[in-house]
ModelCIF file with pLDDT and N, C-alpha, C, O atoms, coordinates in Angstrom:
data_MODEL
#
_entry.id   MODEL 
#
_entity.id                         1 
_entity.type                       polymer 
_entity.pdbx_number_of_molecules   1 
#
_entity_poly.entity_id                      1 
_entity_poly.type                           'polypeptide(L)' 
_entity_poly.nstd_linkage                   no 
_entity_poly.nstd_monomer                   no 
_entity_poly.pdbx_seq_one_letter_code       YGYDMKKISDGGIYDLFIPGAKAGDMYKYLIISQSGEALYKADPY 
_entity_poly.pdbx_seq_one_letter_code_can   YGYDMKKISDGGIYDLFIPGAKAGDMYKYLIISQSGEALYKADPY 
_entity_poly.pdbx_strand_id                 A 
#
loop_
_entity_poly_seq.entity_id 
_entity_poly_seq.num 
_entity_poly_seq.mon_id 
_entity_poly_seq.hetero 
1 1  TYR n 
1 2  GLY n 
1 3  TYR n 
1 4  ASP n 
1 5  MET n 
1 6  LYS n 
1 7  LYS n 
1 8  ILE n 
1 9  SER n 
1 10 ASP n 
1 11 GLY n 
1 12 GLY n 
1 13 ILE n 
1 14 TYR n 
1 15 ASP n 
1 16 LEU n 
1 17 PHE n 
1 18 ILE n 
1 19 PRO n 
1 20 GLY n 
1 21 ALA n 
1 22 LYS n 
1 23 ALA n 
1 24 GLY n 
1 25 ASP n 
1 26 MET n 
1 27 TYR n 
1 28 LYS n 
1 29 TYR n 
1 30 LEU n 
1 31 ILE n 
1 32 ILE n 
1 33 SER n 
1 34 GLN n 
1 35 SER n 
1 36 GLY n 
1 37 GLU n 
1 38 ALA n 
1 39 LEU n 
1 40 TYR n 
1 41 LYS n 
1 42 ALA n 
1 43 ASP n 
1 44 PRO n 
1 45 TYR n 
#
_struct_asym.id          A 
_struct_asym.entity_id   1 
#
loop_
_ma_qa_metric.id 
_ma_qa_metric.mode 
_ma_qa_metric.name 
_ma_qa_metric.software_group_id 
_ma_qa_metric.type 
1 global pLDDT . pLDDT 
2 local  pLDDT . pLDDT 
#
_ma_qa_metric_global.metric_id      1 
_ma_qa_metric_global.metric_value   96.89 
_ma_qa_metric_global.model_id       1 
_ma_qa_metric_global.ordinal_id     1 
#
loop_
_ma_qa_metric_local.label_asym_id 
_ma_qa_metric_local.label_comp_id 
_ma_qa_metric_local.label_seq_id 
_ma_qa_metric_local.metric_id 
_ma_qa_metric_local.metric_value 
_ma_qa_metric_local.model_id 
_ma_qa_metric_local.ordinal_id 
A TYR 1  2 90.00 1 1  
A GLY 2  2 93.00 1 2  
A TYR 3  2 96.00 1 3  
A ASP 4  2 96.00 1 4  
A MET 5  2 97.00 1 5  
A LYS 6  2 97.00 1 6  
A LYS 7  2 97.00 1 7  
A ILE 8  2 96.00 1 8  
A SER 9  2 95.00 1 9  
A ASP 10 2 94.00 1 10 
A GLY 11 2 95.00 1 11 
A GLY 12 2 97.00 1 12 
A ILE 13 2 98.00 1 13 
A TYR 14 2 98.00 1 14 
A ASP 15 2 97.00 1 15 
A LEU 16 2 98.00 1 16 
A PHE 17 2 98.00 1 17 
A ILE 18 2 97.00 1 18 
A PRO 19 2 97.00 1 19 
A GLY 20 2 96.00 1 20 
A ALA 21 2 97.00 1 21 
A LYS 22 2 97.00 1 22 
A ALA 23 2 97.00 1 23 
A GLY 24 2 97.00 1 24 
A ASP 25 2 98.00 1 25 
A MET 26 2 98.00 1 26 
A TYR 27 2 98.00 1 27 
A LYS 28 2 98.00 1 28 
A TYR 29 2 98.00 1 29 
A LEU 30 2 98.00 1 30 
A ILE 31 2 98.00 1 31 
A ILE 32 2 97.00 1 32 
A SER 33 2 97.00 1 33 
A GLN 34 2 97.00 1 34 
A SER 35 2 97.00 1 35 
A GLY 36 2 96.00 1 36 
A GLU 37 2 97.00 1 37 
A ALA 38 2 97.00 1 38 
A LEU 39 2 98.00 1 39 
A TYR 40 2 98.00 1 40 
A LYS 41 2 98.00 1 41 
A ALA 42 2 98.00 1 42 
A ASP 43 2 98.00 1 43 
A PRO 44 2 98.00 1 44 
A TYR 45 2 98.00 1 45 
#
loop_
_atom_site.group_PDB 
_atom_site.id 
_atom_site.type_symbol 
_atom_site.label_atom_id 
_atom_site.label_alt_id 
_atom_site.label_comp_id 
_atom_site.label_asym_id 
_atom_site.label_entity_id 
_atom_site.label_seq_id 
_atom_site.pdbx_PDB_ins_code 
_atom_site.Cartn_x 
_atom_site.Cartn_y 
_atom_site.Cartn_z 
_atom_site.occupancy 
_atom_site.B_iso_or_equiv 
_atom_site.pdbx_formal_charge 
_atom_site.auth_seq_id 
_atom_site.auth_comp_id 
_atom_site.auth_asym_id 
_atom_site.auth_atom_id 
_atom_site.pdbx_PDB_model_num 
ATOM 1   N N  . TYR A 1 1  ? 0.185   10.470  1.950   1.00 90.00 ? 1  TYR A N  1 
ATOM 2   C CA . TYR A 1 1  ? -1.168  11.007  1.861   1.00 90.00 ? 1  TYR A CA 1 
ATOM 3   C C  . TYR A 1 1  ? -1.533  11.339  0.431   1.00 90.00 ? 1  TYR A C  1 
ATOM 4   O O  . TYR A 1 1  ? -0.769  11.964  -0.305  1.00 90.00 ? 1  TYR A O  1 
ATOM 5   N N  . GLY A 1 2  ? -2.747  10.893  0.054   1.00 93.00 ? 2  GLY A N  1 
ATOM 6   C CA . GLY A 1 2  ? -3.173  10.983  -1.329  1.00 93.00 ? 2  GLY A CA 1 
ATOM 7   C C  . GLY A 1 2  ? -2.865  9.708   -2.098  1.00 93.00 ? 2  GLY A C  1 
ATOM 8   O O  . GLY A 1 2  ? -3.254  9.567   -3.258  1.00 93.00 ? 2  GLY A O  1 
ATOM 9   N N  . TYR A 1 3  ? -2.171  8.783   -1.457  1.00 96.00 ? 3  TYR A N  1 
ATOM 10  C CA . TYR A 1 3  ? -1.811  7.513   -2.104  1.00 96.00 ? 3  TYR A CA 1 
ATOM 11  C C  . TYR A 1 3  ? -2.330  6.337   -1.279  1.00 96.00 ? 3  TYR A C  1 
ATOM 12  O O  . TYR A 1 3  ? -1.686  5.296   -1.146  1.00 96.00 ? 3  TYR A O  1 
ATOM 13  N N  . ASP A 1 4  ? -3.530  6.558   -0.730  1.00 96.00 ? 4  ASP A N  1 
ATOM 14  C CA . ASP A 1 4  ? -4.140  5.494   0.056   1.00 96.00 ? 4  ASP A CA 1 
ATOM 15  C C  . ASP A 1 4  ? -4.743  4.449   -0.865  1.00 96.00 ? 4  ASP A C  1 
ATOM 16  O O  . ASP A 1 4  ? -5.379  4.772   -1.869  1.00 96.00 ? 4  ASP A O  1 
ATOM 17  N N  . MET A 1 5  ? -4.532  3.187   -0.505  1.00 97.00 ? 5  MET A N  1 
ATOM 18  C CA . MET A 1 5  ? -5.036  2.071   -1.295  1.00 97.00 ? 5  MET A CA 1 
ATOM 19  C C  . MET A 1 5  ? -6.490  1.786   -0.918  1.00 97.00 ? 5  MET A C  1 
ATOM 20  O O  . MET A 1 5  ? -6.908  2.009   0.218   1.00 97.00 ? 5  MET A O  1 
ATOM 21  N N  . LYS A 1 6  ? -7.243  1.294   -1.886  1.00 97.00 ? 6  LYS A N  1 
ATOM 22  C CA . LYS A 1 6  ? -8.652  1.013   -1.676  1.00 97.00 ? 6  LYS A CA 1 
ATOM 23  C C  . LYS A 1 6  ? -8.832  -0.464  -1.354  1.00 97.00 ? 6  LYS A C  1 
ATOM 24  O O  . LYS A 1 6  ? -8.259  -1.331  -2.013  1.00 97.00 ? 6  LYS A O  1 
ATOM 25  N N  . LYS A 1 7  ? -9.632  -0.736  -0.337  1.00 97.00 ? 7  LYS A N  1 
ATOM 26  C CA . LYS A 1 7  ? -9.934  -2.132  0.004   1.00 97.00 ? 7  LYS A CA 1 
ATOM 27  C C  . LYS A 1 7  ? -10.956 -2.654  -1.002  1.00 97.00 ? 7  LYS A C  1 
ATOM 28  O O  . LYS A 1 7  ? -12.058 -2.117  -1.113  1.00 97.00 ? 7  LYS A O  1 
ATOM 29  N N  . ILE A 1 8  ? -10.586 -3.700  -1.730  1.00 96.00 ? 8  ILE A N  1 
ATOM 30  C CA . ILE A 1 8  ? -11.437 -4.165  -2.827  1.00 96.00 ? 8  ILE A CA 1 
ATOM 31  C C  . ILE A 1 8  ? -12.044 -5.539  -2.568  1.00 96.00 ? 8  ILE A C  1 
ATOM 32  O O  . ILE A 1 8  ? -12.762 -6.062  -3.420  1.00 96.00 ? 8  ILE A O  1 
ATOM 33  N N  . SER A 1 9  ? -11.774 -6.127  -1.419  1.00 95.00 ? 9  SER A N  1 
ATOM 34  C CA . SER A 1 9  ? -12.380 -7.431  -1.116  1.00 95.00 ? 9  SER A CA 1 
ATOM 35  C C  . SER A 1 9  ? -12.594 -7.560  0.377   1.00 95.00 ? 9  SER A C  1 
ATOM 36  O O  . SER A 1 9  ? -11.878 -6.968  1.184   1.00 95.00 ? 9  SER A O  1 
ATOM 37  N N  . ASP A 1 10 ? -13.601 -8.352  0.723   1.00 94.00 ? 10 ASP A N  1 
ATOM 38  C CA . ASP A 1 10 ? -13.855 -8.613  2.146   1.00 94.00 ? 10 ASP A CA 1 
ATOM 39  C C  . ASP A 1 10 ? -12.674 -9.341  2.780   1.00 94.00 ? 10 ASP A C  1 
ATOM 40  O O  . ASP A 1 10 ? -12.470 -9.271  3.992   1.00 94.00 ? 10 ASP A O  1 
ATOM 41  N N  . GLY A 1 11 ? -11.897 -10.040 1.949   1.00 95.00 ? 11 GLY A N  1 
ATOM 42  C CA . GLY A 1 11 ? -10.748 -10.784 2.460   1.00 95.00 ? 11 GLY A CA 1 
ATOM 43  C C  . GLY A 1 11 ? -9.549  -9.920  2.797   1.00 95.00 ? 11 GLY A C  1 
ATOM 44  O O  . GLY A 1 11 ? -8.576  -10.410 3.371   1.00 95.00 ? 11 GLY A O  1 
ATOM 45  N N  . GLY A 1 12 ? -9.602  -8.643  2.450   1.00 97.00 ? 12 GLY A N  1 
ATOM 46  C CA . GLY A 1 12 ? -8.530  -7.741  2.862   1.00 97.00 ? 12 GLY A CA 1 
ATOM 47  C C  . GLY A 1 12 ? -7.504  -7.416  1.801   1.00 97.00 ? 12 GLY A C  1 
ATOM 48  O O  . GLY A 1 12 ? -6.356  -7.115  2.128   1.00 97.00 ? 12 GLY A O  1 
ATOM 49  N N  . ILE A 1 13 ? -7.896  -7.472  0.515   1.00 98.00 ? 13 ILE A N  1 
ATOM 50  C CA . ILE A 1 13 ? -6.994  -7.066  -0.564  1.00 98.00 ? 13 ILE A CA 1 
ATOM 51  C C  . ILE A 1 13 ? -7.178  -5.585  -0.842  1.00 98.00 ? 13 ILE A C  1 
ATOM 52  O O  . ILE A 1 13 ? -8.303  -5.097  -0.944  1.00 98.00 ? 13 ILE A O  1 
ATOM 53  N N  . TYR A 1 14 ? -6.067  -4.876  -0.964  1.00 98.00 ? 14 TYR A N  1 
ATOM 54  C CA . TYR A 1 14 ? -6.069  -3.451  -1.283  1.00 98.00 ? 14 TYR A CA 1 
ATOM 55  C C  . TYR A 1 14 ? -5.356  -3.248  -2.618  1.00 98.00 ? 14 TYR A C  1 
ATOM 56  O O  . TYR A 1 14 ? -4.413  -3.968  -2.946  1.00 98.00 ? 14 TYR A O  1 
ATOM 57  N N  . ASP A 1 15 ? -5.829  -2.233  -3.402  1.00 97.00 ? 15 ASP A N  1 
ATOM 58  C CA . ASP A 1 15 ? -5.099  -1.931  -4.629  1.00 97.00 ? 15 ASP A CA 1 
ATOM 59  C C  . ASP A 1 15 ? -5.078  -0.437  -4.933  1.00 97.00 ? 15 ASP A C  1 
ATOM 60  O O  . ASP A 1 15 ? -5.838  0.341   -4.357  1.00 97.00 ? 15 ASP A O  1 
ATOM 61  N N  . LEU A 1 16 ? -4.189  -0.053  -5.851  1.00 98.00 ? 16 LEU A N  1 
ATOM 62  C CA . LEU A 1 16 ? -4.047  1.348   -6.274  1.00 98.00 ? 16 LEU A CA 1 
ATOM 63  C C  . LEU A 1 16 ? -3.214  1.384   -7.550  1.00 98.00 ? 16 LEU A C  1 
ATOM 64  O O  . LEU A 1 16 ? -2.183  0.719   -7.649  1.00 98.00 ? 16 LEU A O  1 
ATOM 65  N N  . PHE A 1 17 ? -3.674  2.171   -8.529  1.00 98.00 ? 17 PHE A N  1 
ATOM 66  C CA . PHE A 1 17 ? -2.879  2.432   -9.728  1.00 98.00 ? 17 PHE A CA 1 
ATOM 67  C C  . PHE A 1 17 ? -2.263  3.820   -9.607  1.00 98.00 ? 17 PHE A C  1 
ATOM 68  O O  . PHE A 1 17 ? -2.975  4.797   -9.371  1.00 98.00 ? 17 PHE A O  1 
ATOM 69  N N  . ILE A 1 18 ? -0.933  3.914   -9.769  1.00 97.00 ? 18 ILE A N  1 
ATOM 70  C CA . ILE A 1 18 ? -0.246  5.201   -9.646  1.00 97.00 ? 18 ILE A CA 1 
ATOM 71  C C  . ILE A 1 18 ? 0.336   5.593   -10.998 1.00 97.00 ? 18 ILE A C  1 
ATOM 72  O O  . ILE A 1 18 ? 1.336   5.018   -11.429 1.00 97.00 ? 18 ILE A O  1 
ATOM 73  N N  . PRO A 1 19 ? -0.281  6.570   -11.678 1.00 97.00 ? 19 PRO A N  1 
ATOM 74  C CA . PRO A 1 19 ? 0.268   7.053   -12.947 1.00 97.00 ? 19 PRO A CA 1 
ATOM 75  C C  . PRO A 1 19 ? 1.654   7.668   -12.736 1.00 97.00 ? 19 PRO A C  1 
ATOM 76  O O  . PRO A 1 19 ? 1.893   8.344   -11.736 1.00 97.00 ? 19 PRO A O  1 
ATOM 77  N N  . GLY A 1 20 ? 2.548   7.434   -13.668 1.00 96.00 ? 20 GLY A N  1 
ATOM 78  C CA . GLY A 1 20 ? 3.892   8.013   -13.585 1.00 96.00 ? 20 GLY A CA 1 
ATOM 79  C C  . GLY A 1 20 ? 4.901   7.143   -12.876 1.00 96.00 ? 20 GLY A C  1 
ATOM 80  O O  . GLY A 1 20 ? 6.105   7.305   -13.074 1.00 96.00 ? 20 GLY A O  1 
ATOM 81  N N  . ALA A 1 21 ? 4.429   6.212   -12.045 1.00 97.00 ? 21 ALA A N  1 
ATOM 82  C CA . ALA A 1 21 ? 5.361   5.247   -11.449 1.00 97.00 ? 21 ALA A CA 1 
ATOM 83  C C  . ALA A 1 21 ? 5.864   4.326   -12.552 1.00 97.00 ? 21 ALA A C  1 
ATOM 84  O O  . ALA A 1 21 ? 5.177   4.108   -13.550 1.00 97.00 ? 21 ALA A O  1 
ATOM 85  N N  . LYS A 1 22 ? 7.066   3.789   -12.367 1.00 97.00 ? 22 LYS A N  1 
ATOM 86  C CA . LYS A 1 22 ? 7.670   3.016   -13.468 1.00 97.00 ? 22 LYS A CA 1 
ATOM 87  C C  . LYS A 1 22 ? 8.609   1.942   -12.940 1.00 97.00 ? 22 LYS A C  1 
ATOM 88  O O  . LYS A 1 22 ? 8.968   1.932   -11.763 1.00 97.00 ? 22 LYS A O  1 
ATOM 89  N N  . ALA A 1 23 ? 8.999   1.043   -13.830 1.00 97.00 ? 23 ALA A N  1 
ATOM 90  C CA . ALA A 1 23 ? 9.973   0.003   -13.472 1.00 97.00 ? 23 ALA A CA 1 
ATOM 91  C C  . ALA A 1 23 ? 11.258  0.661   -12.994 1.00 97.00 ? 23 ALA A C  1 
ATOM 92  O O  . ALA A 1 23 ? 11.737  1.628   -13.586 1.00 97.00 ? 23 ALA A O  1 
ATOM 93  N N  . GLY A 1 24 ? 11.809  0.120   -11.911 1.00 97.00 ? 24 GLY A N  1 
ATOM 94  C CA . GLY A 1 24 ? 13.027  0.678   -11.327 1.00 97.00 ? 24 GLY A CA 1 
ATOM 95  C C  . GLY A 1 24 ? 12.779  1.551   -10.122 1.00 97.00 ? 24 GLY A C  1 
ATOM 96  O O  . GLY A 1 24 ? 13.705  1.856   -9.371  1.00 97.00 ? 24 GLY A O  1 
ATOM 97  N N  . ASP A 1 25 ? 11.524  1.962   -9.926  1.00 98.00 ? 25 ASP A N  1 
ATOM 98  C CA . ASP A 1 25 ? 11.192  2.811   -8.770  1.00 98.00 ? 25 ASP A CA 1 
ATOM 99  C C  . ASP A 1 25 ? 11.184  1.985   -7.485  1.00 98.00 ? 25 ASP A C  1 
ATOM 100 O O  . ASP A 1 25 ? 10.704  0.851   -7.465  1.00 98.00 ? 25 ASP A O  1 
ATOM 101 N N  . MET A 1 26 ? 11.716  2.564   -6.424  1.00 98.00 ? 26 MET A N  1 
ATOM 102 C CA . MET A 1 26 ? 11.661  1.937   -5.108  1.00 98.00 ? 26 MET A CA 1 
ATOM 103 C C  . MET A 1 26 ? 10.340  2.279   -4.427  1.00 98.00 ? 26 MET A C  1 
ATOM 104 O O  . MET A 1 26 ? 9.783   3.357   -4.635  1.00 98.00 ? 26 MET A O  1 
ATOM 105 N N  . TYR A 1 27 ? 9.848   1.350   -3.614  1.00 98.00 ? 27 TYR A N  1 
ATOM 106 C CA . TYR A 1 27 ? 8.580   1.599   -2.914  1.00 98.00 ? 27 TYR A CA 1 
ATOM 107 C C  . TYR A 1 27 ? 8.454   0.697   -1.693  1.00 98.00 ? 27 TYR A C  1 
ATOM 108 O O  . TYR A 1 27 ? 9.178   -0.288  -1.544  1.00 98.00 ? 27 TYR A O  1 
ATOM 109 N N  . LYS A 1 28 ? 7.505   1.065   -0.817  1.00 98.00 ? 28 LYS A N  1 
ATOM 110 C CA . LYS A 1 28 ? 7.091   0.235   0.309   1.00 98.00 ? 28 LYS A CA 1 
ATOM 111 C C  . LYS A 1 28 ? 5.602   0.450   0.545   1.00 98.00 ? 28 LYS A C  1 
ATOM 112 O O  . LYS A 1 28 ? 4.994   1.369   -0.004  1.00 98.00 ? 28 LYS A O  1 
ATOM 113 N N  . TYR A 1 29 ? 5.041   -0.398  1.357   1.00 98.00 ? 29 TYR A N  1 
ATOM 114 C CA . TYR A 1 29 ? 3.676   -0.180  1.838   1.00 98.00 ? 29 TYR A CA 1 
ATOM 115 C C  . TYR A 1 29 ? 3.761   0.402   3.242   1.00 98.00 ? 29 TYR A C  1 
ATOM 116 O O  . TYR A 1 29 ? 4.471   -0.117  4.104   1.00 98.00 ? 29 TYR A O  1 
ATOM 117 N N  . LEU A 1 30 ? 3.025   1.487   3.455   1.00 98.00 ? 30 LEU A N  1 
ATOM 118 C CA . LEU A 1 30 ? 2.857   2.026   4.804   1.00 98.00 ? 30 LEU A CA 1 
ATOM 119 C C  . LEU A 1 30 ? 1.517   1.517   5.305   1.00 98.00 ? 30 LEU A C  1 
ATOM 120 O O  . LEU A 1 30 ? 0.463   1.897   4.795   1.00 98.00 ? 30 LEU A O  1 
ATOM 121 N N  . ILE A 1 31 ? 1.572   0.661   6.301   1.00 98.00 ? 31 ILE A N  1 
ATOM 122 C CA . ILE A 1 31 ? 0.361   0.041   6.837   1.00 98.00 ? 31 ILE A CA 1 
ATOM 123 C C  . ILE A 1 31 ? 0.091   0.590   8.233   1.00 98.00 ? 31 ILE A C  1 
ATOM 124 O O  . ILE A 1 31 ? 0.950   0.543   9.114   1.00 98.00 ? 31 ILE A O  1 
ATOM 125 N N  . ILE A 1 32 ? -1.109  1.106   8.414   1.00 97.00 ? 32 ILE A N  1 
ATOM 126 C CA . ILE A 1 32 ? -1.532  1.579   9.740   1.00 97.00 ? 32 ILE A CA 1 
ATOM 127 C C  . ILE A 1 32 ? -2.340  0.470   10.384  1.00 97.00 ? 32 ILE A C  1 
ATOM 128 O O  . ILE A 1 32 ? -3.380  0.064   9.865   1.00 97.00 ? 32 ILE A O  1 
ATOM 129 N N  . SER A 1 33 ? -1.861  -0.015  11.511  1.00 97.00 ? 33 SER A N  1 
ATOM 130 C CA . SER A 1 33 ? -2.529  -1.126  12.185  1.00 97.00 ? 33 SER A CA 1 
ATOM 131 C C  . SER A 1 33 ? -3.773  -0.640  12.919  1.00 97.00 ? 33 SER A C  1 
ATOM 132 O O  . SER A 1 33 ? -4.028  0.562   13.004  1.00 97.00 ? 33 SER A O  1 
ATOM 133 N N  . GLN A 1 34 ? -4.534  -1.581  13.442  1.00 97.00 ? 34 GLN A N  1 
ATOM 134 C CA . GLN A 1 34 ? -5.744  -1.226  14.187  1.00 97.00 ? 34 GLN A CA 1 
ATOM 135 C C  . GLN A 1 34 ? -5.426  -0.385  15.419  1.00 97.00 ? 34 GLN A C  1 
ATOM 136 O O  . GLN A 1 34 ? -6.259  0.403   15.867  1.00 97.00 ? 34 GLN A O  1 
ATOM 137 N N  . SER A 1 35 ? -4.226  -0.550  15.963  1.00 97.00 ? 35 SER A N  1 
ATOM 138 C CA . SER A 1 35 ? -3.832  0.230   17.140  1.00 97.00 ? 35 SER A CA 1 
ATOM 139 C C  . SER A 1 35 ? -3.206  1.567   16.761  1.00 97.00 ? 35 SER A C  1 
ATOM 140 O O  . SER A 1 35 ? -2.839  2.352   17.635  1.00 97.00 ? 35 SER A O  1 
ATOM 141 N N  . GLY A 1 36 ? -3.084  1.830   15.453  1.00 96.00 ? 36 GLY A N  1 
ATOM 142 C CA . GLY A 1 36 ? -2.522  3.097   14.997  1.00 96.00 ? 36 GLY A CA 1 
ATOM 143 C C  . GLY A 1 36 ? -1.031  3.073   14.740  1.00 96.00 ? 36 GLY A C  1 
ATOM 144 O O  . GLY A 1 36 ? -0.442  4.103   14.415  1.00 96.00 ? 36 GLY A O  1 
ATOM 145 N N  . GLU A 1 37 ? -0.407  1.902   14.882  1.00 97.00 ? 37 GLU A N  1 
ATOM 146 C CA . GLU A 1 37 ? 1.031   1.790   14.634  1.00 97.00 ? 37 GLU A CA 1 
ATOM 147 C C  . GLU A 1 37 ? 1.316   1.886   13.139  1.00 97.00 ? 37 GLU A C  1 
ATOM 148 O O  . GLU A 1 37 ? 0.601   1.302   12.324  1.00 97.00 ? 37 GLU A O  1 
ATOM 149 N N  . ALA A 1 38 ? 2.367   2.626   12.784  1.00 97.00 ? 38 ALA A N  1 
ATOM 150 C CA . ALA A 1 38 ? 2.775   2.756   11.378  1.00 97.00 ? 38 ALA A CA 1 
ATOM 151 C C  . ALA A 1 38 ? 3.841   1.706   11.066  1.00 97.00 ? 38 ALA A C  1 
ATOM 152 O O  . ALA A 1 38 ? 4.900   1.678   11.694  1.00 97.00 ? 38 ALA A O  1 
ATOM 153 N N  . LEU A 1 39 ? 3.549   0.846   10.093  1.00 98.00 ? 39 LEU A N  1 
ATOM 154 C CA . LEU A 1 39 ? 4.472   -0.224  9.704   1.00 98.00 ? 39 LEU A CA 1 
ATOM 155 C C  . LEU A 1 39 ? 4.928   0.009   8.266   1.00 98.00 ? 39 LEU A C  1 
ATOM 156 O O  . LEU A 1 39 ? 4.105   0.166   7.364   1.00 98.00 ? 39 LEU A O  1 
ATOM 157 N N  . TYR A 1 40 ? 6.233   0.029   8.061   1.00 98.00 ? 40 TYR A N  1 
ATOM 158 C CA . TYR A 1 40 ? 6.792   0.221   6.720   1.00 98.00 ? 40 TYR A CA 1 
ATOM 159 C C  . TYR A 1 40 ? 7.248   -1.145  6.200   1.00 98.00 ? 40 TYR A C  1 
ATOM 160 O O  . TYR A 1 40 ? 8.257   -1.688  6.649   1.00 98.00 ? 40 TYR A O  1 
ATOM 161 N N  . LYS A 1 41 ? 6.490   -1.684  5.252   1.00 98.00 ? 41 LYS A N  1 
ATOM 162 C CA . LYS A 1 41 ? 6.691   -3.063  4.830   1.00 98.00 ? 41 LYS A CA 1 
ATOM 163 C C  . LYS A 1 41 ? 7.124   -3.168  3.367   1.00 98.00 ? 41 LYS A C  1 
ATOM 164 O O  . LYS A 1 41 ? 6.608   -2.468  2.495   1.00 98.00 ? 41 LYS A O  1 
ATOM 165 N N  . ALA A 1 42 ? 8.082   -4.060  3.124   1.00 98.00 ? 42 ALA A N  1 
ATOM 166 C CA . ALA A 1 42 ? 8.395   -4.443  1.750   1.00 98.00 ? 42 ALA A CA 1 
ATOM 167 C C  . ALA A 1 42 ? 7.215   -5.221  1.189   1.00 98.00 ? 42 ALA A C  1 
ATOM 168 O O  . ALA A 1 42 ? 6.415   -5.781  1.938   1.00 98.00 ? 42 ALA A O  1 
ATOM 169 N N  . ASP A 1 43 ? 7.112   -5.250  -0.132  1.00 98.00 ? 43 ASP A N  1 
ATOM 170 C CA . ASP A 1 43 ? 6.011   -5.934  -0.808  1.00 98.00 ? 43 ASP A CA 1 
ATOM 171 C C  . ASP A 1 43 ? 6.264   -7.438  -0.810  1.00 98.00 ? 43 ASP A C  1 
ATOM 172 O O  . ASP A 1 43 ? 7.270   -7.887  -1.361  1.00 98.00 ? 43 ASP A O  1 
ATOM 173 N N  . PRO A 1 44 ? 5.353   -8.245  -0.194  1.00 98.00 ? 44 PRO A N  1 
ATOM 174 C CA . PRO A 1 44 ? 5.563   -9.699  -0.178  1.00 98.00 ? 44 PRO A CA 1 
ATOM 175 C C  . PRO A 1 44 ? 5.666   -10.305 -1.570  1.00 98.00 ? 44 PRO A C  1 
ATOM 176 O O  . PRO A 1 44 ? 6.306   -11.341 -1.749  1.00 98.00 ? 44 PRO A O  1 
ATOM 177 N N  . TYR A 1 45 ? 5.032   -9.659  -2.573  1.00 98.00 ? 45 TYR A N  1 
ATOM 178 C CA . TYR A 1 45 ? 5.020   -10.185 -3.942  1.00 98.00 ? 45 TYR A CA 1 
ATOM 179 C C  . TYR A 1 45 ? 5.975   -9.430  -4.866  1.00 98.00 ? 45 TYR A C  1 
ATOM 180 O O  . TYR A 1 45 ? 6.077   -9.755  -6.048  1.00 98.00 ? 45 TYR A O  1 
#
């Protein structure tokens, strides 16, 4: 919470800049589906 990504295209691209994050940090995307399911996903890219 407080780290929600903004939808920046009609095609479904989301982005966010996080100050203080750095190379070597571990992360995932928490995606809430239309049904409300919480999915913890590795970054495809």
